[in-house]
């Protein structure tokens, strides 16, 4: 609403009385942008991308390894691999819980 109000108070007579279209457009654009930047000032917003502070490099690597083990777990019928995957998953989940509790 402020932007529209500022535009309504702008004097447009000198903008439209010009003979040259380019000069007329430049005057219009300058008046428009001046009111736009006044009504909508530039604000810098800081976004925190790392909301998972507990997520360390080691946990990321372990999660990647778990994904790789999961694909092997689904493909093969090796019972040793399945047991290893289950133990790895259990240990990783305990490590993640402990990391979350520390913060």
N, C-alpha and C. Protein backbone atom coordinates (compact mmCIF):
# COMPACT_ATOMS: atom_id res chain seq x y z
N UNK A 1 0.83 -1.19 0.00
CA UNK A 1 0.00 0.00 0.00
C UNK A 1 0.88 1.25 0.00
N UNK A 2 1.98 1.19 0.74
CA UNK A 2 2.88 2.34 0.79
C UNK A 2 3.45 2.63 -0.59
N UNK A 3 3.79 1.58 -1.31
CA UNK A 3 4.35 1.73 -2.65
C UNK A 3 3.35 2.42 -3.58
N UNK A 4 2.12 1.95 -3.56
CA UNK A 4 1.08 2.57 -4.39
C UNK A 4 0.84 4.02 -3.99
N UNK A 5 0.87 4.30 -2.71
CA UNK A 5 0.67 5.66 -2.23
C UNK A 5 1.81 6.56 -2.70
N UNK A 6 3.03 6.09 -2.61
CA UNK A 6 4.17 6.89 -3.06
C UNK A 6 4.12 7.13 -4.57
N UNK A 7 3.68 6.13 -5.32
CA UNK A 7 3.54 6.34 -6.76
C UNK A 7 2.45 7.35 -7.09
N UNK A 8 1.39 7.36 -6.29
CA UNK A 8 0.31 8.32 -6.57
C UNK A 8 0.73 9.76 -6.27
N UNK A 9 1.68 9.95 -5.34
CA UNK A 9 2.18 11.29 -5.03
C UNK A 9 3.25 11.77 -6.00
N UNK A 10 3.75 10.89 -6.82
CA UNK A 10 4.81 11.23 -7.77
C UNK A 10 4.25 12.13 -8.87
N UNK A 11 5.03 13.12 -9.24
CA UNK A 11 4.64 14.01 -10.32
C UNK A 11 5.07 13.39 -11.65
N UNK A 12 4.10 13.04 -12.46
CA UNK A 12 4.39 12.37 -13.72
C UNK A 12 4.34 13.32 -14.92
N UNK A 13 4.07 14.60 -14.67
CA UNK A 13 3.89 15.53 -15.79
C UNK A 13 5.16 15.70 -16.62
N UNK A 14 6.31 15.83 -15.97
CA UNK A 14 7.54 16.00 -16.74
C UNK A 14 7.97 14.71 -17.44
N UNK A 15 7.48 13.58 -16.95
CA UNK A 15 7.83 12.30 -17.56
C UNK A 15 7.14 12.12 -18.91
N UNK A 16 5.89 12.52 -18.98
CA UNK A 16 5.11 12.29 -20.20
C UNK A 16 5.11 13.46 -21.17
N UNK A 17 5.74 14.58 -20.80
CA UNK A 17 5.79 15.72 -21.72
C UNK A 17 7.01 15.69 -22.62
N UNK A 18 7.91 14.77 -22.40
CA UNK A 18 9.12 14.65 -23.21
C UNK A 18 8.76 14.18 -24.63
N UNK A 19 9.51 14.70 -25.60
CA UNK A 19 9.32 14.29 -26.99
C UNK A 19 10.03 12.97 -27.28
N UNK A 20 11.20 12.77 -26.66
CA UNK A 20 11.98 11.56 -26.90
C UNK A 20 11.47 10.45 -25.99
N UNK A 21 11.14 9.33 -26.59
CA UNK A 21 10.58 8.20 -25.84
C UNK A 21 11.61 7.62 -24.88
N UNK A 22 12.86 7.57 -25.28
CA UNK A 22 13.90 7.00 -24.42
C UNK A 22 14.10 7.82 -23.15
N UNK A 23 14.11 9.13 -23.28
CA UNK A 23 14.26 10.00 -22.11
C UNK A 23 13.03 9.88 -21.22
N UNK A 24 11.88 9.81 -21.83
CA UNK A 24 10.63 9.65 -21.07
C UNK A 24 10.63 8.34 -20.28
N UNK A 25 11.07 7.29 -20.93
CA UNK A 25 11.13 5.99 -20.24
C UNK A 25 12.14 6.01 -19.10
N UNK A 26 13.30 6.63 -19.31
CA UNK A 26 14.31 6.71 -18.26
C UNK A 26 13.78 7.48 -17.05
N UNK A 27 13.06 8.57 -17.28
CA UNK A 27 12.48 9.33 -16.16
C UNK A 27 11.43 8.50 -15.43
N UNK A 28 10.60 7.79 -16.20
CA UNK A 28 9.61 6.93 -15.57
C UNK A 28 10.26 5.84 -14.74
N UNK A 29 11.26 5.18 -15.31
CA UNK A 29 11.93 4.09 -14.62
C UNK A 29 12.65 4.58 -13.36
N UNK A 30 13.29 5.73 -13.43
CA UNK A 30 13.96 6.28 -12.26
C UNK A 30 12.97 6.58 -11.13
N UNK A 31 11.84 7.17 -11.47
CA UNK A 31 10.83 7.48 -10.46
C UNK A 31 10.24 6.19 -9.88
N UNK A 32 9.99 5.23 -10.73
CA UNK A 32 9.42 3.96 -10.28
C UNK A 32 10.38 3.23 -9.36
N UNK A 33 11.64 3.10 -9.77
CA UNK A 33 12.62 2.38 -8.97
C UNK A 33 12.94 3.10 -7.66
N UNK A 34 12.98 4.43 -7.69
CA UNK A 34 13.21 5.19 -6.46
C UNK A 34 12.13 4.89 -5.44
N UNK A 35 10.89 4.86 -5.86
CA UNK A 35 9.78 4.54 -4.95
C UNK A 35 9.78 3.07 -4.55
N UNK A 36 10.16 2.22 -5.47
CA UNK A 36 10.21 0.78 -5.17
C UNK A 36 11.24 0.49 -4.09
N UNK A 37 12.47 1.02 -4.27
CA UNK A 37 13.53 0.75 -3.30
C UNK A 37 13.25 1.43 -1.96
N UNK A 38 12.53 2.52 -1.98
CA UNK A 38 12.16 3.17 -0.72
C UNK A 38 11.11 2.33 0.02
N UNK A 39 10.16 1.77 -0.71
CA UNK A 39 9.08 1.00 -0.10
C UNK A 39 9.49 -0.41 0.28
N UNK A 40 10.40 -0.99 -0.49
CA UNK A 40 10.86 -2.36 -0.23
C UNK A 40 12.37 -2.37 -0.06
N UNK A 41 12.85 -1.98 1.12
CA UNK A 41 14.30 -1.92 1.31
C UNK A 41 14.92 -3.30 1.31
N UNK A 42 16.19 -3.33 0.94
CA UNK A 42 16.95 -4.57 0.88
C UNK A 42 17.27 -5.02 2.30
N UNK A 43 16.92 -6.25 2.63
CA UNK A 43 17.22 -6.80 3.94
C UNK A 43 18.03 -8.06 3.75
N UNK A 44 19.10 -8.17 4.51
CA UNK A 44 19.94 -9.36 4.45
C UNK A 44 19.44 -10.35 5.50
N UNK A 45 19.17 -11.56 5.07
CA UNK A 45 18.66 -12.60 5.95
C UNK A 45 19.71 -13.69 6.05
N UNK A 46 20.03 -14.07 7.27
CA UNK A 46 21.01 -15.14 7.49
C UNK A 46 20.25 -16.44 7.74
N UNK A 47 20.54 -17.43 6.92
CA UNK A 47 19.89 -18.73 7.05
C UNK A 47 20.92 -19.72 7.57
N UNK A 48 20.58 -20.38 8.65
CA UNK A 48 21.46 -21.38 9.23
C UNK A 48 21.17 -22.72 8.57
N UNK A 49 22.07 -23.16 7.71
CA UNK A 49 21.86 -24.40 6.98
C UNK A 49 22.20 -25.64 7.80
N UNK A 50 23.05 -25.46 8.81
CA UNK A 50 23.49 -26.61 9.58
C UNK A 50 22.67 -26.70 10.87
N UNK A 51 21.47 -27.24 10.78
CA UNK A 51 20.63 -27.40 11.95
C UNK A 51 20.98 -28.66 12.72
N UNK A 52 21.70 -29.56 12.10
CA UNK A 52 22.11 -30.80 12.76
C UNK A 52 23.57 -30.66 13.18
N UNK A 53 23.78 -29.95 14.28
CA UNK A 53 25.13 -29.68 14.74
C UNK A 53 25.81 -30.97 15.18
N UNK A 54 25.05 -31.93 15.64
CA UNK A 54 25.57 -33.20 16.13
C UNK A 54 26.11 -34.08 15.00
N UNK A 55 25.75 -33.78 13.77
CA UNK A 55 26.13 -34.61 12.62
C UNK A 55 27.58 -34.32 12.24
N UNK A 56 28.48 -35.17 12.70
CA UNK A 56 29.90 -34.99 12.44
C UNK A 56 30.30 -35.65 11.13
N UNK A 57 31.55 -35.42 10.74
CA UNK A 57 32.06 -36.02 9.51
C UNK A 57 32.09 -37.54 9.63
N UNK A 58 32.46 -38.05 10.81
CA UNK A 58 32.51 -39.49 11.02
C UNK A 58 31.13 -40.14 10.92
N UNK A 59 30.11 -39.46 11.45
CA UNK A 59 28.76 -40.00 11.37
C UNK A 59 28.28 -40.00 9.92
N UNK A 60 28.63 -38.97 9.17
CA UNK A 60 28.24 -38.92 7.76
C UNK A 60 28.87 -40.08 6.98
N UNK A 61 30.15 -40.34 7.26
CA UNK A 61 30.84 -41.44 6.58
C UNK A 61 30.21 -42.78 6.97
N UNK A 62 29.87 -42.92 8.26
CA UNK A 62 29.24 -44.16 8.72
C UNK A 62 27.87 -44.36 8.09
N UNK A 63 27.12 -43.29 7.92
CA UNK A 63 25.80 -43.40 7.27
C UNK A 63 25.95 -43.81 5.81
N UNK A 64 26.97 -43.27 5.15
CA UNK A 64 27.23 -43.66 3.76
C UNK A 64 27.58 -45.14 3.68
N UNK A 65 28.42 -45.61 4.61
CA UNK A 65 28.80 -47.02 4.65
C UNK A 65 27.58 -47.89 4.92
N UNK A 66 26.69 -47.42 5.79
CA UNK A 66 25.47 -48.17 6.10
C UNK A 66 24.60 -48.31 4.84
N UNK A 67 24.51 -47.25 4.04
CA UNK A 67 23.74 -47.32 2.80
C UNK A 67 24.34 -48.36 1.84
N UNK A 68 25.67 -48.36 1.77
CA UNK A 68 26.33 -49.35 0.91
C UNK A 68 26.07 -50.77 1.40
N UNK A 69 26.15 -50.96 2.71
CA UNK A 69 25.88 -52.28 3.28
C UNK A 69 24.43 -52.69 3.04
N UNK A 70 23.52 -51.72 3.07
CA UNK A 70 22.11 -52.03 2.85
C UNK A 70 21.87 -52.57 1.45
N UNK A 71 22.53 -51.96 0.46
CA UNK A 71 22.35 -52.46 -0.91
C UNK A 71 22.89 -53.88 -1.04
N UNK A 72 24.03 -54.15 -0.40
CA UNK A 72 24.56 -55.52 -0.43
C UNK A 72 23.65 -56.47 0.34
N UNK A 73 23.10 -56.00 1.45
CA UNK A 73 22.19 -56.79 2.29
C UNK A 73 20.98 -57.25 1.48
N UNK A 74 20.45 -56.36 0.65
CA UNK A 74 19.26 -56.69 -0.15
C UNK A 74 19.59 -57.61 -1.32
N UNK A 75 20.78 -57.51 -1.85
CA UNK A 75 21.14 -58.29 -3.04
C UNK A 75 21.54 -59.72 -2.68
N UNK A 76 22.33 -59.86 -1.63
CA UNK A 76 22.89 -61.18 -1.32
C UNK A 76 22.06 -61.92 -0.27
N UNK A 77 22.32 -63.21 -0.17
CA UNK A 77 21.66 -64.04 0.84
C UNK A 77 22.65 -64.50 1.91
N UNK A 78 23.79 -63.84 2.01
CA UNK A 78 24.83 -64.19 2.97
C UNK A 78 24.38 -63.81 4.38
N UNK A 79 24.27 -64.79 5.24
CA UNK A 79 23.79 -64.53 6.61
C UNK A 79 24.82 -63.74 7.42
N UNK A 80 26.11 -63.95 7.17
CA UNK A 80 27.16 -63.19 7.87
C UNK A 80 27.04 -61.70 7.55
N UNK A 81 26.80 -61.38 6.28
CA UNK A 81 26.65 -59.99 5.88
C UNK A 81 25.41 -59.37 6.51
N UNK A 82 24.33 -60.13 6.57
CA UNK A 82 23.10 -59.62 7.17
C UNK A 82 23.30 -59.34 8.66
N UNK A 83 23.97 -60.23 9.35
CA UNK A 83 24.26 -60.01 10.77
C UNK A 83 25.17 -58.80 10.97
N UNK A 84 26.18 -58.69 10.10
CA UNK A 84 27.09 -57.55 10.18
C UNK A 84 26.34 -56.24 9.96
N UNK A 85 25.45 -56.23 8.97
CA UNK A 85 24.65 -55.03 8.69
C UNK A 85 23.79 -54.65 9.89
N UNK A 86 23.14 -55.64 10.51
CA UNK A 86 22.28 -55.37 11.66
C UNK A 86 23.09 -54.83 12.84
N UNK A 87 24.27 -55.41 13.10
CA UNK A 87 25.12 -54.92 14.19
C UNK A 87 25.61 -53.50 13.89
N UNK A 88 26.02 -53.27 12.65
CA UNK A 88 26.51 -51.95 12.23
C UNK A 88 25.42 -50.90 12.41
N UNK A 89 24.20 -51.24 12.01
CA UNK A 89 23.07 -50.32 12.14
C UNK A 89 22.78 -50.02 13.61
N UNK A 90 22.82 -51.03 14.44
CA UNK A 90 22.56 -50.84 15.86
C UNK A 90 23.62 -49.94 16.51
N UNK A 91 24.87 -50.19 16.19
CA UNK A 91 25.95 -49.38 16.74
C UNK A 91 25.85 -47.94 16.24
N UNK A 92 25.56 -47.77 14.97
CA UNK A 92 25.43 -46.42 14.40
C UNK A 92 24.29 -45.66 15.04
N UNK A 93 23.17 -46.31 15.27
CA UNK A 93 22.04 -45.62 15.89
C UNK A 93 22.37 -45.23 17.33
N UNK A 94 23.14 -46.05 18.04
CA UNK A 94 23.57 -45.69 19.40
C UNK A 94 24.52 -44.50 19.38
N UNK A 95 25.42 -44.47 18.41
CA UNK A 95 26.35 -43.34 18.28
C UNK A 95 25.59 -42.05 17.97
N UNK A 96 24.59 -42.14 17.11
CA UNK A 96 23.79 -40.96 16.76
C UNK A 96 23.01 -40.48 17.98
N UNK A 97 22.41 -41.38 18.74
CA UNK A 97 21.70 -40.98 19.95
C UNK A 97 22.62 -40.30 20.94
N UNK A 98 23.81 -40.85 21.11
CA UNK A 98 24.78 -40.26 22.04
C UNK A 98 25.22 -38.87 21.57
N UNK A 99 25.41 -38.71 20.26
CA UNK A 99 25.81 -37.41 19.73
C UNK A 99 24.71 -36.37 19.91
N UNK A 100 23.46 -36.77 19.75
CA UNK A 100 22.34 -35.85 19.95
C UNK A 100 22.22 -35.44 21.41
N UNK A 101 22.50 -36.37 22.32
CA UNK A 101 22.39 -36.06 23.75
C UNK A 101 23.46 -35.08 24.21
N UNK A 102 24.63 -35.13 23.60
CA UNK A 102 25.72 -34.23 24.02
C UNK A 102 25.41 -32.79 23.70
N UNK A 103 24.55 -32.54 22.74
CA UNK A 103 24.22 -31.15 22.36
C UNK A 103 22.88 -30.79 22.77
